[in-house]
Amino acid sequence: MPQKDPCQKQACAIQKCLQANNYIESKCQAVIEELRKCCARYPKGRSLVCSGFEKEENQTLKSPAK
């Protein structure tokens, strides 16, 4: 049986928040930050829902400073 994703709860909370706020991301920053904190607690690849943040971080690191 596959292990439960450790950050699934936070990911679901983001979806609920976004739906409740007409997908205005700025209204869900606190919930998004909770997912970031959860993702930071686990090694890369441990949480499938964190893969988007990992990709975002990689792109930020590769982008030249403005």
PDB file of N, CA and C in Angstrom:
ATOM      1  N   MET A   1       0.843  -1.191   0.000  1.00  0.00           N
ATOM      2  CA  MET A   1       0.000   0.000   0.000  1.00  0.00           C
ATOM      3  C   MET A   1       0.884   1.249   0.000  1.00  0.00           C
ATOM      4  N   PRO A   2       0.630   2.192  -0.906  1.00  0.00           N
ATOM      5  CA  PRO A   2       1.468   3.391  -0.958  1.00  0.00           C
ATOM      6  C   PRO A   2       1.289   4.251   0.289  1.00  0.00           C
ATOM      7  N   GLN A   3       2.371   4.930   0.646  1.00  0.00           N
ATOM      8  CA  GLN A   3       2.306   5.808   1.808  1.00  0.00           C
ATOM      9  C   GLN A   3       1.517   7.062   1.467  1.00  0.00           C
ATOM     10  N   LYS A   4       0.846   7.590   2.462  1.00  0.00           N
ATOM     11  CA  LYS A   4       0.096   8.818   2.275  1.00  0.00           C
ATOM     12  C   LYS A   4       1.075   9.981   2.100  1.00  0.00           C
ATOM     13  N   ASP A   5       0.748  10.870   1.191  1.00  0.00           N
ATOM     14  CA  ASP A   5       1.588  12.042   0.959  1.00  0.00           C
ATOM     15  C   ASP A   5       1.556  12.917   2.215  1.00  0.00           C
ATOM     16  N   PRO A   6       2.711  13.246   2.772  1.00  0.00           N
ATOM     17  CA  PRO A   6       2.734  13.990   4.032  1.00  0.00           C
ATOM     18  C   PRO A   6       2.203  15.421   3.923  1.00  0.00           C
ATOM     19  N   CYS A   7       2.129  15.963   2.728  1.00  0.00           N
ATOM     20  CA  CYS A   7       1.667  17.343   2.563  1.00  0.00           C
ATOM     21  C   CYS A   7       0.324  17.431   1.842  1.00  0.00           C
ATOM     22  N   GLN A   8      -0.349  16.311   1.718  1.00  0.00           N
ATOM     23  CA  GLN A   8      -1.638  16.278   1.027  1.00  0.00           C
ATOM     24  C   GLN A   8      -2.662  17.190   1.700  1.00  0.00           C
ATOM     25  N   LYS A   9      -2.672  17.191   3.019  1.00  0.00           N
ATOM     26  CA  LYS A   9      -3.636  18.012   3.759  1.00  0.00           C
ATOM     27  C   LYS A   9      -3.487  19.493   3.394  1.00  0.00           C
ATOM     28  N   GLN A  10      -2.254  19.963   3.329  1.00  0.00           N
ATOM     29  CA  GLN A  10      -2.003  21.365   2.991  1.00  0.00           C
ATOM     30  C   GLN A  10      -2.383  21.654   1.542  1.00  0.00           C
ATOM     31  N   ALA A  11      -2.116  20.707   0.656  1.00  0.00           N
ATOM     32  CA  ALA A  11      -2.469  20.893  -0.752  1.00  0.00           C
ATOM     33  C   ALA A  11      -3.987  20.999  -0.914  1.00  0.00           C
ATOM     34  N   CYS A  12      -4.706  20.183  -0.187  1.00  0.00           N
ATOM     35  CA  CYS A  12      -6.173  20.244  -0.242  1.00  0.00           C
ATOM     36  C   CYS A  12      -6.676  21.568   0.326  1.00  0.00           C
ATOM     37  N   ALA A  13      -6.013  22.050   1.364  1.00  0.00           N
ATOM     38  CA  ALA A  13      -6.408  23.330   1.959  1.00  0.00           C
ATOM     39  C   ALA A  13      -6.220  24.471   0.959  1.00  0.00           C
ATOM     40  N   ILE A  14      -5.167  24.396   0.155  1.00  0.00           N
ATOM     41  CA  ILE A  14      -4.950  25.416  -0.875  1.00  0.00           C
ATOM     42  C   ILE A  14      -6.085  25.374  -1.891  1.00  0.00           C
ATOM     43  N   GLN A  15      -6.446  24.197  -2.327  1.00  0.00           N
ATOM     44  CA  GLN A  15      -7.529  24.082  -3.306  1.00  0.00           C
ATOM     45  C   GLN A  15      -8.836  24.647  -2.752  1.00  0.00           C
ATOM     46  N   LYS A  16      -9.142  24.326  -1.510  1.00  0.00           N
ATOM     47  CA  LYS A  16     -10.366  24.845  -0.888  1.00  0.00           C
ATOM     48  C   LYS A  16     -10.324  26.365  -0.804  1.00  0.00           C
ATOM     49  N   CYS A  17      -9.183  26.890  -0.400  1.00  0.00           N
ATOM     50  CA  CYS A  17      -9.024  28.335  -0.271  1.00  0.00           C
ATOM     51  C   CYS A  17      -9.185  29.019  -1.624  1.00  0.00           C
ATOM     52  N   LEU A  18      -8.525  28.485  -2.624  1.00  0.00           N
ATOM     53  CA  LEU A  18      -8.610  29.087  -3.958  1.00  0.00           C
ATOM     54  C   LEU A  18     -10.045  29.059  -4.487  1.00  0.00           C
ATOM     55  N   GLN A  19     -10.716  27.951  -4.298  1.00  0.00           N
ATOM     56  CA  GLN A  19     -12.105  27.853  -4.754  1.00  0.00           C
ATOM     57  C   GLN A  19     -12.989  28.863  -4.028  1.00  0.00           C
ATOM     58  N   ALA A  20     -12.774  29.008  -2.737  1.00  0.00           N
ATOM     59  CA  ALA A  20     -13.587  29.926  -1.936  1.00  0.00           C
ATOM     60  C   ALA A  20     -13.309  31.388  -2.273  1.00  0.00           C
ATOM     61  N   ASN A  21     -12.139  31.652  -2.841  1.00  0.00           N
ATOM     62  CA  ASN A  21     -11.730  33.033  -3.125  1.00  0.00           C
ATOM     63  C   ASN A  21     -11.588  33.311  -4.620  1.00  0.00           C
ATOM     64  N   ASN A  22     -12.365  32.599  -5.422  1.00  0.00           N
ATOM     65  CA  ASN A  22     -12.360  32.804  -6.875  1.00  0.00           C
ATOM     66  C   ASN A  22     -10.959  32.742  -7.480  1.00  0.00           C
ATOM     67  N   TYR A  23     -10.152  31.856  -6.941  1.00  0.00           N
ATOM     68  CA  TYR A  23      -8.803  31.596  -7.451  1.00  0.00           C
ATOM     69  C   TYR A  23      -7.894  32.831  -7.415  1.00  0.00           C
ATOM     70  N   ILE A  24      -8.118  33.677  -6.432  1.00  0.00           N
ATOM     71  CA  ILE A  24      -7.238  34.825  -6.219  1.00  0.00           C
ATOM     72  C   ILE A  24      -6.147  34.371  -5.250  1.00  0.00           C
ATOM     73  N   GLU A  25      -4.988  34.096  -5.820  1.00  0.00           N
ATOM     74  CA  GLU A  25      -3.893  33.493  -5.066  1.00  0.00           C
ATOM     75  C   GLU A  25      -3.472  34.340  -3.867  1.00  0.00           C
ATOM     76  N   SER A  26      -3.522  35.643  -4.004  1.00  0.00           N
ATOM     77  CA  SER A  26      -3.073  36.522  -2.923  1.00  0.00           C
ATOM     78  C   SER A  26      -3.901  36.346  -1.648  1.00  0.00           C
ATOM     79  N   LYS A  27      -5.117  35.872  -1.786  1.00  0.00           N
ATOM     80  CA  LYS A  27      -5.968  35.661  -0.612  1.00  0.00           C
ATOM     81  C   LYS A  27      -5.646  34.355   0.109  1.00  0.00           C
ATOM     82  N   CYS A  28      -4.778  33.560  -0.469  1.00  0.00           N
ATOM     83  CA  CYS A  28      -4.460  32.251   0.111  1.00  0.00           C
ATOM     84  C   CYS A  28      -2.981  32.126   0.478  1.00  0.00           C
ATOM     85  N   GLN A  29      -2.308  33.230   0.631  1.00  0.00           N
ATOM     86  CA  GLN A  29      -0.866  33.184   0.885  1.00  0.00           C
ATOM     87  C   GLN A  29      -0.515  32.425   2.165  1.00  0.00           C
ATOM     88  N   ALA A  30      -1.307  32.575   3.202  1.00  0.00           N
ATOM     89  CA  ALA A  30      -1.011  31.876   4.461  1.00  0.00           C
ATOM     90  C   ALA A  30      -1.093  30.361   4.271  1.00  0.00           C
ATOM     91  N   VAL A  31      -2.073  29.918   3.519  1.00  0.00           N
ATOM     92  CA  VAL A  31      -2.253  28.485   3.275  1.00  0.00           C
ATOM     93  C   VAL A  31      -1.123  27.964   2.379  1.00  0.00           C
ATOM     94  N   ILE A  32      -0.752  28.752   1.400  1.00  0.00           N
ATOM     95  CA  ILE A  32       0.348  28.372   0.506  1.00  0.00           C
ATOM     96  C   ILE A  32       1.650  28.277   1.293  1.00  0.00           C
ATOM     97  N   GLU A  33       1.854  29.196   2.207  1.00  0.00           N
ATOM     98  CA  GLU A  33       3.066  29.172   3.032  1.00  0.00           C
ATOM     99  C   GLU A  33       3.114  27.915   3.903  1.00  0.00           C
ATOM    100  N   GLU A  34       1.963  27.474   4.378  1.00  0.00           N
ATOM    101  CA  GLU A  34       1.920  26.237   5.167  1.00  0.00           C
ATOM    102  C   GLU A  34       2.370  25.042   4.326  1.00  0.00           C
ATOM    103  N   LEU A  35       1.980  25.018   3.065  1.00  0.00           N
ATOM    104  CA  LEU A  35       2.431  23.932   2.188  1.00  0.00           C
ATOM    105  C   LEU A  35       3.936  24.037   1.959  1.00  0.00           C
ATOM    106  N   ARG A  36       4.425  25.241   1.759  1.00  0.00           N
ATOM    107  CA  ARG A  36       5.881  25.419   1.578  1.00  0.00           C
ATOM    108  C   ARG A  36       6.641  24.904   2.797  1.00  0.00           C
ATOM    109  N   LYS A  37       6.126  25.212   3.980  1.00  0.00           N
ATOM    110  CA  LYS A  37       6.781  24.749   5.214  1.00  0.00           C
ATOM    111  C   LYS A  37       6.759  23.226   5.287  1.00  0.00           C
ATOM    112  N   CYS A  38       5.634  22.644   4.921  1.00  0.00           N
ATOM    113  CA  CYS A  38       5.532  21.184   4.933  1.00  0.00           C
ATOM    114  C   CYS A  38       6.539  20.588   3.951  1.00  0.00           C
ATOM    115  N   CYS A  39       6.598  21.147   2.763  1.00  0.00           N
ATOM    116  CA  CYS A  39       7.519  20.635   1.742  1.00  0.00           C
ATOM    117  C   CYS A  39       8.973  20.740   2.202  1.00  0.00           C
ATOM    118  N   ALA A  40       9.277  21.785   2.934  1.00  0.00           N
ATOM    119  CA  ALA A  40      10.647  21.981   3.410  1.00  0.00           C
ATOM    120  C   ALA A  40      11.047  20.921   4.442  1.00  0.00           C
ATOM    121  N   ARG A  41      10.063  20.316   5.087  1.00  0.00           N
ATOM    122  CA  ARG A  41      10.352  19.310   6.115  1.00  0.00           C
ATOM    123  C   ARG A  41      10.696  17.940   5.538  1.00  0.00           C
ATOM    124  N   TYR A  42      10.423  17.735   4.260  1.00  0.00           N
ATOM    125  CA  TYR A  42      10.624  16.415   3.667  1.00  0.00           C
ATOM    126  C   TYR A  42      11.622  16.482   2.522  1.00  0.00           C
ATOM    127  N   PRO A  43      12.384  15.414   2.331  1.00  0.00           N
ATOM    128  CA  PRO A  43      13.349  15.406   1.223  1.00  0.00           C
ATOM    129  C   PRO A  43      12.636  15.459  -0.122  1.00  0.00           C
ATOM    130  N   LYS A  44      13.323  16.006  -1.099  1.00  0.00           N
ATOM    131  CA  LYS A  44      12.751  16.097  -2.449  1.00  0.00           C
ATOM    132  C   LYS A  44      12.308  14.714  -2.908  1.00  0.00           C
ATOM    133  N   GLY A  45      11.151  14.678  -3.525  1.00  0.00           N
ATOM    134  CA  GLY A  45      10.630  13.411  -4.017  1.00  0.00           C
ATOM    135  C   GLY A  45       9.757  12.672  -3.019  1.00  0.00           C
ATOM    136  N   ARG A  46       9.778  13.064  -1.764  1.00  0.00           N
ATOM    137  CA  ARG A  46       8.983  12.376  -0.739  1.00  0.00           C
ATOM    138  C   ARG A  46       7.502  12.724  -0.875  1.00  0.00           C
ATOM    139  N   SER A  47       7.218  13.964  -1.256  1.00  0.00           N
ATOM    140  CA  SER A  47       5.839  14.417  -1.377  1.00  0.00           C
ATOM    141  C   SER A  47       5.549  14.800  -2.822  1.00  0.00           C
ATOM    142  N   LEU A  48       4.606  14.120  -3.419  1.00  0.00           N
ATOM    143  CA  LEU A  48       4.245  14.410  -4.800  1.00  0.00           C
ATOM    144  C   LEU A  48       3.676  15.818  -4.938  1.00  0.00           C
ATOM    145  N   VAL A  49       2.902  16.263  -3.959  1.00  0.00           N
ATOM    146  CA  VAL A  49       2.295  17.594  -4.060  1.00  0.00           C
ATOM    147  C   VAL A  49       3.331  18.706  -3.971  1.00  0.00           C
ATOM    148  N   CYS A  50       4.517  18.389  -3.506  1.00  0.00           N
ATOM    149  CA  CYS A  50       5.574  19.401  -3.401  1.00  0.00           C
ATOM    150  C   CYS A  50       6.365  19.550  -4.697  1.00  0.00           C
ATOM    151  N   SER A  51       6.141  18.687  -5.645  1.00  0.00           N
ATOM    152  CA  SER A  51       6.943  18.724  -6.868  1.00  0.00           C
ATOM    153  C   SER A  51       6.808  20.059  -7.598  1.00  0.00           C
ATOM    154  N   GLY A  52       5.667  20.696  -7.526  1.00  0.00           N
ATOM    155  CA  GLY A  52       5.490  22.002  -8.162  1.00  0.00           C
ATOM    156  C   GLY A  52       6.373  23.065  -7.536  1.00  0.00           C
ATOM    157  N   PHE A  53       6.498  23.039  -6.223  1.00  0.00           N
ATOM    158  CA  PHE A  53       7.371  23.992  -5.541  1.00  0.00           C
ATOM    159  C   PHE A  53       8.829  23.710  -5.864  1.00  0.00           C
ATOM    160  N   GLU A  54       9.179  22.440  -5.973  1.00  0.00           N
ATOM    161  CA  GLU A  54      10.556  22.081  -6.304  1.00  0.00           C
ATOM    162  C   GLU A  54      10.914  22.590  -7.694  1.00  0.00           C
ATOM    163  N   LYS A  55      10.004  22.458  -8.642  1.00  0.00           N
ATOM    164  CA  LYS A  55      10.244  22.964 -10.001  1.00  0.00           C
ATOM    165  C   LYS A  55      10.361  24.481  -9.980  1.00  0.00           C
ATOM    166  N   GLU A  56       9.509  25.121  -9.202  1.00  0.00           N
ATOM    167  CA  GLU A  56       9.521  26.584  -9.091  1.00  0.00           C
ATOM    168  C   GLU A  56      10.860  27.062  -8.537  1.00  0.00           C
ATOM    169  N   GLU A  57      11.361  26.384  -7.511  1.00  0.00           N
ATOM    170  CA  GLU A  57      12.649  26.745  -6.920  1.00  0.00           C
ATOM    171  C   GLU A  57      13.776  26.578  -7.932  1.00  0.00           C
ATOM    172  N   ASN A  58      13.752  25.494  -8.678  1.00  0.00           N
ATOM    173  CA  ASN A  58      14.793  25.252  -9.677  1.00  0.00           C
ATOM    174  C   ASN A  58      14.790  26.334 -10.747  1.00  0.00           C
ATOM    175  N   GLN A  59      13.626  26.750 -11.189  1.00  0.00           N
ATOM    176  CA  GLN A  59      13.535  27.796 -12.204  1.00  0.00           C
ATOM    177  C   GLN A  59      14.036  29.123 -11.647  1.00  0.00           C
ATOM    178  N   THR A  60      13.720  29.399 -10.405  1.00  0.00           N
ATOM    179  CA  THR A  60      14.169  30.637  -9.772  1.00  0.00           C
ATOM    180  C   THR A  60      15.689  30.656  -9.674  1.00  0.00           C
ATOM    181  N   LEU A  61      16.268  29.525  -9.336  1.00  0.00           N
ATOM    182  CA  LEU A  61      17.721  29.445  -9.217  1.00  0.00           C
ATOM    183  C   LEU A  61      18.411  29.593 -10.567  1.00  0.00           C
ATOM    184  N   LYS A  62      17.778  29.112 -11.626  1.00  0.00           N
ATOM    185  CA  LYS A  62      18.375  29.163 -12.960  1.00  0.00           C
ATOM    186  C   LYS A  62      18.194  30.515 -13.634  1.00  0.00           C
ATOM    187  N   SER A  63      17.177  31.271 -13.215  1.00  0.00           N
ATOM    188  CA  SER A  63      16.899  32.565 -13.843  1.00  0.00           C
ATOM    189  C   SER A  63      17.954  33.585 -13.445  1.00  0.00           C
ATOM    190  N   PRO A  64      18.418  34.382 -14.400  1.00  0.00           N
ATOM    191  CA  PRO A  64      19.397  35.413 -14.056  1.00  0.00           C
ATOM    192  C   PRO A  64      18.748  36.510 -13.216  1.00  0.00           C
ATOM    193  N   ALA A  65      19.512  37.086 -12.338  1.00  0.00           N
ATOM    194  CA  ALA A  65      19.007  38.163 -11.485  1.00  0.00           C
ATOM    195  C   ALA A  65      18.719  39.394 -12.326  1.00  0.00           C
ATOM    196  N   LYS A  66      17.651  40.089 -11.969  1.00  0.00           N
ATOM    197  CA  LYS A  66      17.277  41.300 -12.721  1.00  0.00           C
ATOM    198  C   LYS A  66      17.685  42.531 -11.971  1.00  0.00           C
TER     199      LYS A  66
END
